[in-house]
Amino acid sequence: MSTEPLEVRIRRVDPEVPLPGYAHPGDAGADLVTTQAAELAPGERAVLPTGVSIALPEGYAAFVHPRSGLAARCGIAMVNAPGTIDAGYRGEIKVIVVNLDPRESVRFERYDRIAQLVVQQVEKVRFHEVAELPGSARAEGGFGSTGGHAAVDGTQGGNGYASVGSDREGR
């Protein structure tokens, strides 16, 4: 299926910043860079500017996602991932990053890629209050109800979470 790209107006807050771009054909996220050098000690967070602001059409939102390479190599995460850019927001896009590495500081230089911007169509909803919700197979199961976390003693804990091993073994 081939569709025309959505036209999004963008303004450079920093006149030298490169525009967001896609690294590979088929990528969902366009790379965002920082315009400011920063060094984050272990556990430290910072708000990094990207040097761009956008005007999305009504019915769209942009979501700022973390970069998997920064997470894997440096322990960098986004505090509010994904960050939401509403259609009416016209300010500079900024990224809140945190260094989760327990020992090493992380340094960002001007124009380092720090996040990805994914633009998506979003639905407007009208909430209708009811006394009861219809049933479903999942019901109220959530917060790890399908597994992924062991109790302190290695058994299924009182919190109802199964162990990571049971997820790996398909139980």
N, C-alpha and C. Protein backbone atom coordinates (compact mmCIF):
# COMPACT_ATOMS: atom_id res chain seq x y z
N MET A 1 0.85 -1.18 0.00
CA MET A 1 0.00 0.00 0.00
C MET A 1 0.89 1.23 0.00
N SER A 2 0.69 2.11 -0.93
CA SER A 2 1.50 3.32 -1.04
C SER A 2 0.61 4.53 -0.79
N THR A 3 1.00 5.33 0.17
CA THR A 3 0.26 6.56 0.45
C THR A 3 1.24 7.72 0.44
N GLU A 4 0.70 8.87 0.20
CA GLU A 4 1.53 10.08 0.21
C GLU A 4 1.88 10.42 1.66
N PRO A 5 3.10 10.89 1.90
CA PRO A 5 3.48 11.30 3.25
C PRO A 5 2.62 12.48 3.73
N LEU A 6 2.35 12.50 5.02
CA LEU A 6 1.62 13.60 5.64
C LEU A 6 2.51 14.84 5.65
N GLU A 7 1.98 15.95 5.22
CA GLU A 7 2.73 17.21 5.25
C GLU A 7 2.64 17.81 6.66
N VAL A 8 3.79 18.03 7.29
CA VAL A 8 3.84 18.61 8.63
C VAL A 8 4.73 19.84 8.57
N ARG A 9 4.21 20.97 9.02
CA ARG A 9 5.01 22.20 9.06
C ARG A 9 5.98 22.10 10.22
N ILE A 10 7.23 22.51 9.96
CA ILE A 10 8.27 22.47 10.98
C ILE A 10 9.01 23.80 10.97
N ARG A 11 9.39 24.25 12.16
CA ARG A 11 10.16 25.49 12.30
C ARG A 11 11.43 25.18 13.06
N ARG A 12 12.55 25.65 12.54
CA ARG A 12 13.81 25.49 13.25
C ARG A 12 13.93 26.59 14.30
N VAL A 13 13.96 26.20 15.56
CA VAL A 13 14.22 27.13 16.66
C VAL A 13 15.71 27.48 16.65
N ASP A 14 16.52 26.49 16.33
CA ASP A 14 17.96 26.65 16.13
C ASP A 14 18.18 26.58 14.62
N PRO A 15 18.63 27.67 13.99
CA PRO A 15 18.72 27.70 12.53
C PRO A 15 19.69 26.69 11.92
N GLU A 16 20.59 26.12 12.70
CA GLU A 16 21.58 25.18 12.17
C GLU A 16 21.21 23.72 12.38
N VAL A 17 20.16 23.45 13.14
CA VAL A 17 19.81 22.07 13.46
C VAL A 17 19.34 21.34 12.21
N PRO A 18 19.77 20.08 12.03
CA PRO A 18 19.23 19.31 10.91
C PRO A 18 17.76 18.96 11.17
N LEU A 19 16.97 18.92 10.11
CA LEU A 19 15.57 18.53 10.26
C LEU A 19 15.49 17.06 10.62
N PRO A 20 14.44 16.65 11.35
CA PRO A 20 14.27 15.23 11.65
C PRO A 20 14.22 14.44 10.35
N GLY A 21 14.82 13.25 10.38
CA GLY A 21 14.83 12.42 9.18
C GLY A 21 14.78 10.96 9.54
N TYR A 22 14.43 10.15 8.55
CA TYR A 22 14.34 8.71 8.72
C TYR A 22 15.65 8.08 8.29
N ALA A 23 16.22 7.23 9.12
CA ALA A 23 17.51 6.60 8.83
C ALA A 23 17.39 5.55 7.73
N HIS A 24 16.27 4.83 7.69
CA HIS A 24 16.10 3.74 6.72
C HIS A 24 14.69 3.79 6.14
N PRO A 25 14.52 3.31 4.90
CA PRO A 25 13.17 3.20 4.34
C PRO A 25 12.31 2.33 5.25
N GLY A 26 11.09 2.73 5.47
CA GLY A 26 10.18 1.96 6.30
C GLY A 26 10.25 2.27 7.78
N ASP A 27 11.21 3.11 8.21
CA ASP A 27 11.29 3.48 9.63
C ASP A 27 10.04 4.25 10.04
N ALA A 28 9.55 3.99 11.25
CA ALA A 28 8.39 4.69 11.79
C ALA A 28 8.80 6.00 12.45
N GLY A 29 10.01 6.04 13.02
CA GLY A 29 10.45 7.20 13.78
C GLY A 29 11.49 8.01 13.04
N ALA A 30 11.31 9.33 13.05
CA ALA A 30 12.30 10.26 12.50
C ALA A 30 13.22 10.69 13.64
N ASP A 31 14.51 10.70 13.38
CA ASP A 31 15.49 11.01 14.42
C ASP A 31 15.43 12.47 14.85
N LEU A 32 15.43 12.67 16.16
CA LEU A 32 15.55 14.00 16.76
C LEU A 32 16.94 14.11 17.38
N VAL A 33 17.54 15.28 17.27
CA VAL A 33 18.86 15.52 17.84
C VAL A 33 18.75 16.56 18.94
N THR A 34 19.78 16.65 19.76
CA THR A 34 19.84 17.71 20.76
C THR A 34 20.68 18.86 20.22
N THR A 35 20.32 20.06 20.63
CA THR A 35 21.10 21.24 20.22
C THR A 35 22.04 21.68 21.33
N GLN A 36 22.06 20.93 22.42
CA GLN A 36 22.82 21.34 23.60
C GLN A 36 23.68 20.19 24.11
N ALA A 37 24.95 20.44 24.33
CA ALA A 37 25.82 19.44 24.96
C ALA A 37 25.41 19.28 26.42
N ALA A 38 25.52 18.06 26.92
CA ALA A 38 25.16 17.80 28.32
C ALA A 38 25.89 16.56 28.79
N GLU A 39 26.19 16.52 30.09
CA GLU A 39 26.75 15.33 30.70
C GLU A 39 25.86 14.94 31.86
N LEU A 40 25.43 13.67 31.86
CA LEU A 40 24.55 13.16 32.90
C LEU A 40 25.30 12.14 33.74
N ALA A 41 25.41 12.41 35.02
CA ALA A 41 25.98 11.47 35.97
C ALA A 41 24.98 10.34 36.18
N PRO A 42 25.39 9.21 36.75
CA PRO A 42 24.45 8.14 37.03
C PRO A 42 23.25 8.65 37.83
N GLY A 43 22.05 8.32 37.36
CA GLY A 43 20.82 8.72 38.02
C GLY A 43 20.35 10.12 37.69
N GLU A 44 21.13 10.89 36.98
CA GLU A 44 20.77 12.28 36.68
C GLU A 44 19.88 12.34 35.44
N ARG A 45 19.02 13.35 35.41
CA ARG A 45 18.15 13.57 34.24
C ARG A 45 18.33 14.99 33.74
N ALA A 46 17.93 15.20 32.49
CA ALA A 46 18.04 16.52 31.87
C ALA A 46 16.94 16.68 30.83
N VAL A 47 16.56 17.92 30.59
CA VAL A 47 15.63 18.25 29.52
C VAL A 47 16.47 18.79 28.37
N LEU A 48 16.52 18.04 27.27
CA LEU A 48 17.36 18.41 26.14
C LEU A 48 16.52 18.99 25.01
N PRO A 49 16.87 20.18 24.53
CA PRO A 49 16.14 20.79 23.42
C PRO A 49 16.50 20.12 22.09
N THR A 50 15.54 20.12 21.15
CA THR A 50 15.78 19.53 19.83
C THR A 50 15.95 20.58 18.74
N GLY A 51 15.64 21.82 19.05
CA GLY A 51 15.81 22.88 18.05
C GLY A 51 14.71 22.97 17.02
N VAL A 52 13.62 22.20 17.19
CA VAL A 52 12.51 22.25 16.23
C VAL A 52 11.17 22.32 16.95
N SER A 53 10.21 22.93 16.28
CA SER A 53 8.81 22.90 16.70
C SER A 53 7.98 22.55 15.47
N ILE A 54 6.81 21.95 15.68
CA ILE A 54 5.99 21.49 14.57
C ILE A 54 4.55 21.94 14.74
N ALA A 55 3.81 21.92 13.62
CA ALA A 55 2.37 22.18 13.61
C ALA A 55 1.70 20.98 12.96
N LEU A 56 1.13 20.14 13.78
CA LEU A 56 0.45 18.94 13.28
C LEU A 56 -0.98 19.28 12.88
N PRO A 57 -1.51 18.60 11.87
CA PRO A 57 -2.92 18.79 11.53
C PRO A 57 -3.81 18.23 12.64
N GLU A 58 -5.01 18.77 12.76
CA GLU A 58 -5.99 18.22 13.71
C GLU A 58 -6.17 16.73 13.43
N GLY A 59 -6.33 15.95 14.48
CA GLY A 59 -6.51 14.52 14.32
C GLY A 59 -5.21 13.73 14.34
N TYR A 60 -4.07 14.44 14.57
CA TYR A 60 -2.77 13.79 14.64
C TYR A 60 -2.08 14.18 15.94
N ALA A 61 -1.17 13.34 16.37
CA ALA A 61 -0.28 13.63 17.49
C ALA A 61 1.07 13.04 17.15
N ALA A 62 2.10 13.59 17.74
CA ALA A 62 3.45 13.03 17.57
C ALA A 62 3.88 12.47 18.91
N PHE A 63 4.59 11.36 18.87
CA PHE A 63 5.05 10.70 20.08
C PHE A 63 6.56 10.60 20.04
N VAL A 64 7.21 11.09 21.09
CA VAL A 64 8.67 11.07 21.19
C VAL A 64 9.05 9.78 21.90
N HIS A 65 9.75 8.91 21.18
CA HIS A 65 10.15 7.60 21.69
C HIS A 65 11.65 7.57 21.97
N PRO A 66 12.06 6.75 22.94
CA PRO A 66 13.50 6.59 23.20
C PRO A 66 14.19 5.85 22.06
N ARG A 67 15.49 5.99 21.99
CA ARG A 67 16.31 5.27 21.01
C ARG A 67 16.83 4.00 21.68
N SER A 68 16.60 2.87 21.05
CA SER A 68 16.99 1.60 21.65
C SER A 68 18.50 1.49 21.81
N GLY A 69 19.27 2.03 20.88
CA GLY A 69 20.72 1.97 20.98
C GLY A 69 21.25 2.70 22.19
N LEU A 70 20.68 3.86 22.51
CA LEU A 70 21.10 4.61 23.70
C LEU A 70 20.75 3.83 24.97
N ALA A 71 19.62 3.16 24.95
CA ALA A 71 19.22 2.37 26.12
C ALA A 71 20.17 1.19 26.30
N ALA A 72 20.45 0.48 25.22
CA ALA A 72 21.28 -0.72 25.31
C ALA A 72 22.73 -0.40 25.62
N ARG A 73 23.29 0.60 24.97
CA ARG A 73 24.72 0.90 25.13
C ARG A 73 25.02 1.78 26.33
N CYS A 74 24.13 2.71 26.66
CA CYS A 74 24.46 3.72 27.67
C CYS A 74 23.52 3.74 28.87
N GLY A 75 22.42 3.01 28.82
CA GLY A 75 21.46 3.06 29.92
C GLY A 75 20.62 4.32 29.93
N ILE A 76 20.48 4.96 28.76
CA ILE A 76 19.68 6.18 28.67
C ILE A 76 18.22 5.82 28.41
N ALA A 77 17.33 6.42 29.19
CA ALA A 77 15.89 6.23 29.02
C ALA A 77 15.23 7.59 29.00
N MET A 78 13.98 7.61 28.59
CA MET A 78 13.17 8.83 28.66
C MET A 78 12.25 8.71 29.86
N VAL A 79 12.19 9.77 30.63
CA VAL A 79 11.40 9.76 31.86
C VAL A 79 9.91 9.63 31.55
N ASN A 80 9.43 10.27 30.51
CA ASN A 80 7.99 10.25 30.19
C ASN A 80 7.72 9.58 28.85
N ALA A 81 8.34 8.44 28.61
CA ALA A 81 8.22 7.80 27.30
C ALA A 81 6.86 7.14 27.11
N PRO A 82 6.23 7.31 25.97
CA PRO A 82 6.60 8.31 24.98
C PRO A 82 6.06 9.67 25.37
N GLY A 83 6.79 10.70 25.01
CA GLY A 83 6.30 12.06 25.19
C GLY A 83 5.26 12.36 24.12
N THR A 84 4.23 13.09 24.46
CA THR A 84 3.15 13.37 23.52
C THR A 84 3.20 14.82 23.06
N ILE A 85 3.19 15.01 21.74
CA ILE A 85 3.11 16.34 21.14
C ILE A 85 1.71 16.45 20.55
N ASP A 86 0.87 17.28 21.15
CA ASP A 86 -0.50 17.46 20.68
C ASP A 86 -0.52 18.36 19.44
N ALA A 87 -1.60 18.23 18.66
CA ALA A 87 -1.73 19.00 17.43
C ALA A 87 -1.66 20.51 17.68
N GLY A 88 -2.11 20.97 18.82
CA GLY A 88 -2.12 22.40 19.10
C GLY A 88 -0.84 22.95 19.69
N TYR A 89 0.12 22.10 20.03
CA TYR A 89 1.37 22.56 20.66
C TYR A 89 2.29 23.14 19.60
N ARG A 90 2.83 24.33 19.87
CA ARG A 90 3.72 24.99 18.92
C ARG A 90 5.10 25.28 19.50
N GLY A 91 5.37 24.85 20.71
CA GLY A 91 6.67 25.10 21.33
C GLY A 91 7.72 24.13 20.84
N GLU A 92 8.96 24.40 21.27
CA GLU A 92 10.08 23.53 20.91
C GLU A 92 9.88 22.15 21.51
N ILE A 93 10.17 21.13 20.74
CA ILE A 93 10.12 19.76 21.24
C ILE A 93 11.35 19.55 22.11
N LYS A 94 11.13 19.08 23.33
CA LYS A 94 12.22 18.79 24.26
C LYS A 94 12.09 17.36 24.74
N VAL A 95 13.22 16.76 25.09
CA VAL A 95 13.25 15.35 25.47
C VAL A 95 13.82 15.25 26.89
N ILE A 96 13.07 14.57 27.78
CA ILE A 96 13.53 14.38 29.16
C ILE A 96 14.23 13.03 29.23
N VAL A 97 15.54 13.06 29.37
CA VAL A 97 16.34 11.82 29.42
C VAL A 97 16.88 11.61 30.83
N VAL A 98 17.14 10.33 31.14
CA VAL A 98 17.72 9.97 32.43
C VAL A 98 18.81 8.93 32.18
N ASN A 99 19.89 9.04 32.93
CA ASN A 99 20.99 8.08 32.85
C ASN A 99 20.74 7.01 33.92
N LEU A 100 20.38 5.81 33.49
CA LEU A 100 20.10 4.72 34.41
C LEU A 100 21.32 3.85 34.70
N ASP A 101 22.45 4.16 34.06
CA ASP A 101 23.67 3.40 34.34
C ASP A 101 24.10 3.69 35.77
N PRO A 102 24.39 2.67 36.57
CA PRO A 102 24.73 2.91 37.98
C PRO A 102 26.15 3.44 38.19
N ARG A 103 27.02 3.37 37.17
CA ARG A 103 28.43 3.75 37.38
C ARG A 103 28.96 4.82 36.43
N GLU A 104 28.52 4.81 35.18
CA GLU A 104 29.13 5.66 34.16
C GLU A 104 28.29 6.90 33.83
N SER A 105 28.97 8.03 33.66
CA SER A 105 28.33 9.24 33.15
C SER A 105 28.16 9.08 31.64
N VAL A 106 27.21 9.82 31.10
CA VAL A 106 26.96 9.82 29.66
C VAL A 106 27.03 11.25 29.16
N ARG A 107 27.73 11.44 28.06
CA ARG A 107 27.91 12.78 27.49
C ARG A 107 27.18 12.87 26.16
N PHE A 108 26.41 13.94 25.99
CA PHE A 108 25.76 14.26 24.73
C PHE A 108 26.44 15.47 24.13
N GLU A 109 26.70 15.41 22.84
CA GLU A 109 27.25 16.54 22.10
C GLU A 109 26.15 17.15 21.24
N ARG A 110 26.32 18.39 20.86
CA ARG A 110 25.39 19.07 19.98
C ARG A 110 25.18 18.21 18.72
N TYR A 111 23.93 18.00 18.35
CA TYR A 111 23.47 17.24 17.19
C TYR A 111 23.56 15.73 17.36
N ASP A 112 23.81 15.23 18.58
CA ASP A 112 23.67 13.80 18.82
C ASP A 112 22.19 13.42 18.72
N ARG A 113 21.92 12.26 18.11
CA ARG A 113 20.54 11.76 18.05
C ARG A 113 20.13 11.29 19.44
N ILE A 114 18.97 11.77 19.90
CA ILE A 114 18.55 11.47 21.28
C ILE A 114 17.20 10.78 21.36
N ALA A 115 16.37 10.86 20.32
CA ALA A 115 15.03 10.29 20.39
C ALA A 115 14.50 10.13 18.97
N GLN A 116 13.31 9.53 18.88
CA GLN A 116 12.63 9.37 17.60
C GLN A 116 11.23 9.97 17.69
N LEU A 117 10.79 10.60 16.63
CA LEU A 117 9.46 11.21 16.57
C LEU A 117 8.57 10.37 15.66
N VAL A 118 7.47 9.86 16.21
CA VAL A 118 6.51 9.06 15.46
C VAL A 118 5.21 9.84 15.40
N VAL A 119 4.74 10.14 14.19
CA VAL A 119 3.49 10.87 13.99
C VAL A 119 2.40 9.86 13.68
N GLN A 120 1.27 10.00 14.40
CA GLN A 120 0.17 9.05 14.22
C GLN A 120 -1.16 9.78 14.21
N GLN A 121 -2.10 9.20 13.47
CA GLN A 121 -3.46 9.69 13.51
C GLN A 121 -4.08 9.20 14.82
N VAL A 122 -4.82 10.07 15.46
CA VAL A 122 -5.46 9.71 16.74
C VAL A 122 -6.96 9.99 16.66
N GLU A 123 -7.71 9.18 17.37
CA GLU A 123 -9.16 9.32 17.39
C GLU A 123 -9.59 10.21 18.55
N LYS A 124 -10.57 11.04 18.31
CA LYS A 124 -11.21 11.81 19.36
C LYS A 124 -12.36 10.95 19.86
N VAL A 125 -12.53 10.85 21.16
CA VAL A 125 -13.59 10.01 21.71
C VAL A 125 -14.54 10.85 22.56
N ARG A 126 -15.74 10.33 22.72
CA ARG A 126 -16.71 10.91 23.63
C ARG A 126 -16.93 9.86 24.70
N PHE A 127 -16.64 10.19 25.95
CA PHE A 127 -16.81 9.24 27.04
C PHE A 127 -18.27 9.19 27.46
N HIS A 128 -18.77 7.97 27.63
CA HIS A 128 -20.15 7.73 28.01
C HIS A 128 -20.13 6.93 29.30
N GLU A 129 -20.51 7.55 30.40
CA GLU A 129 -20.47 6.89 31.70
C GLU A 129 -21.58 5.84 31.80
N VAL A 130 -21.18 4.66 32.32
CA VAL A 130 -22.12 3.56 32.53
C VAL A 130 -21.91 3.00 33.93
N ALA A 131 -22.90 2.28 34.42
CA ALA A 131 -22.79 1.66 35.75
C ALA A 131 -21.91 0.42 35.71
N GLU A 132 -21.91 -0.32 34.63
CA GLU A 132 -21.13 -1.55 34.48
C GLU A 132 -20.52 -1.59 33.09
N LEU A 133 -19.32 -2.15 32.98
CA LEU A 133 -18.70 -2.35 31.68
C LEU A 133 -19.00 -3.76 31.20
N PRO A 134 -19.07 -3.98 29.88
CA PRO A 134 -19.29 -5.35 29.40
C PRO A 134 -18.10 -6.22 29.74
N GLY A 135 -18.34 -7.51 29.87
CA GLY A 135 -17.28 -8.45 30.21
C GLY A 135 -16.31 -8.65 29.05
N SER A 136 -15.14 -9.23 29.37
CA SER A 136 -14.15 -9.58 28.36
C SER A 136 -13.34 -10.75 28.87
N ALA A 137 -12.59 -11.40 28.00
CA ALA A 137 -11.75 -12.53 28.39
C ALA A 137 -10.68 -12.09 29.39
N ARG A 138 -10.16 -10.88 29.24
CA ARG A 138 -9.10 -10.40 30.12
C ARG A 138 -9.66 -9.91 31.46
N ALA A 139 -10.84 -9.36 31.45
CA ALA A 139 -11.49 -8.79 32.64
C ALA A 139 -10.58 -7.73 33.27
N GLU A 140 -10.26 -7.88 34.55
CA GLU A 140 -9.44 -6.89 35.24
C GLU A 140 -7.97 -7.28 35.31
N GLY A 141 -7.58 -8.33 34.57
CA GLY A 141 -6.18 -8.78 34.58
C GLY A 141 -5.26 -7.71 34.00
N GLY A 142 -4.23 -7.36 34.74
CA GLY A 142 -3.27 -6.35 34.30
C GLY A 142 -2.08 -6.36 35.24
N PHE A 143 -1.19 -5.43 35.06
CA PHE A 143 -0.03 -5.27 35.94
C PHE A 143 0.73 -6.57 36.13
N GLY A 144 1.04 -7.23 35.01
CA GLY A 144 1.83 -8.46 35.08
C GLY A 144 1.02 -9.72 35.23
N SER A 145 -0.28 -9.65 35.01
CA SER A 145 -1.12 -10.84 35.20
C SER A 145 -0.79 -11.96 34.23
N THR A 146 -0.08 -11.67 33.14
CA THR A 146 0.30 -12.72 32.20
C THR A 146 1.71 -13.22 32.43
N GLY A 147 2.37 -12.76 33.49
CA GLY A 147 3.70 -13.26 33.83
C GLY A 147 4.77 -12.21 33.68
N GLY A 148 6.01 -12.63 34.02
CA GLY A 148 7.14 -11.75 33.82
C GLY A 148 7.83 -11.25 35.06
N HIS A 149 7.41 -11.71 36.26
CA HIS A 149 8.03 -11.21 37.48
C HIS A 149 7.93 -12.28 38.57
N ALA A 150 9.04 -12.61 39.16
CA ALA A 150 9.05 -13.64 40.21
C ALA A 150 8.92 -13.01 41.59
N ALA A 151 8.42 -13.77 42.52
CA ALA A 151 8.38 -13.35 43.91
C ALA A 151 9.79 -13.43 44.49
N VAL A 152 10.02 -12.85 45.65
CA VAL A 152 11.34 -12.84 46.28
C VAL A 152 11.87 -14.25 46.48
N ASP A 153 11.01 -15.19 46.87
CA ASP A 153 11.47 -16.56 47.13
C ASP A 153 11.49 -17.44 45.88
N GLY A 154 11.22 -16.87 44.69
CA GLY A 154 11.29 -17.63 43.45
C GLY A 154 9.98 -18.29 43.05
N THR A 155 8.99 -18.29 43.92
CA THR A 155 7.70 -18.88 43.58
C THR A 155 6.81 -17.77 43.03
N GLN A 156 5.61 -18.17 42.62
CA GLN A 156 4.66 -17.14 42.22
C GLN A 156 4.27 -16.41 43.49
N GLY A 157 4.44 -15.11 43.48
CA GLY A 157 4.23 -14.31 44.67
C GLY A 157 2.77 -14.05 44.97
N GLY A 158 2.54 -13.51 46.14
CA GLY A 158 1.20 -13.14 46.56
C GLY A 158 0.60 -12.07 45.66
N ASN A 159 1.47 -11.41 44.88
CA ASN A 159 0.97 -10.40 43.95
C ASN A 159 0.43 -11.03 42.67
N GLY A 160 0.51 -12.35 42.54
CA GLY A 160 -0.05 -13.04 41.39
C GLY A 160 0.83 -13.04 40.16
N TYR A 161 2.05 -12.54 40.26
CA TYR A 161 2.95 -12.51 39.11
C TYR A 161 3.65 -13.85 38.96
N ALA A 162 3.81 -14.28 37.73
CA ALA A 162 4.57 -15.48 37.45
C ALA A 162 6.03 -15.11 37.27
N SER A 163 6.89 -16.10 37.23
CA SER A 163 8.31 -15.82 37.07
C SER A 163 8.67 -15.55 35.61
N VAL A 164 9.79 -14.88 35.38
CA VAL A 164 10.28 -14.64 34.03
C VAL A 164 10.55 -15.99 33.37
N GLY A 165 11.05 -16.97 34.15
CA GLY A 165 11.31 -18.29 33.60
C GLY A 165 10.07 -18.92 33.02
N SER A 166 8.94 -18.76 33.64
CA SER A 166 7.72 -19.34 33.09
C SER A 166 7.32 -18.65 31.79
N ASP A 167 7.62 -17.36 31.64
CA ASP A 167 7.36 -16.69 30.37
C ASP A 167 8.25 -17.29 29.28
N ARG A 168 9.54 -17.50 29.60
CA ARG A 168 10.48 -18.05 28.62
C ARG A 168 10.09 -19.46 28.22
N GLU A 169 9.57 -20.23 29.17
CA GLU A 169 9.26 -21.63 28.91
C GLU A 169 7.84 -21.80 28.39
N GLY A 170 7.12 -20.70 28.21
CA GLY A 170 5.79 -20.76 27.63
C GLY A 170 4.72 -21.30 28.55
N ARG A 171 4.94 -21.23 29.86
CA ARG A 171 3.92 -21.71 30.81
C ARG A 171 3.03 -20.58 31.25
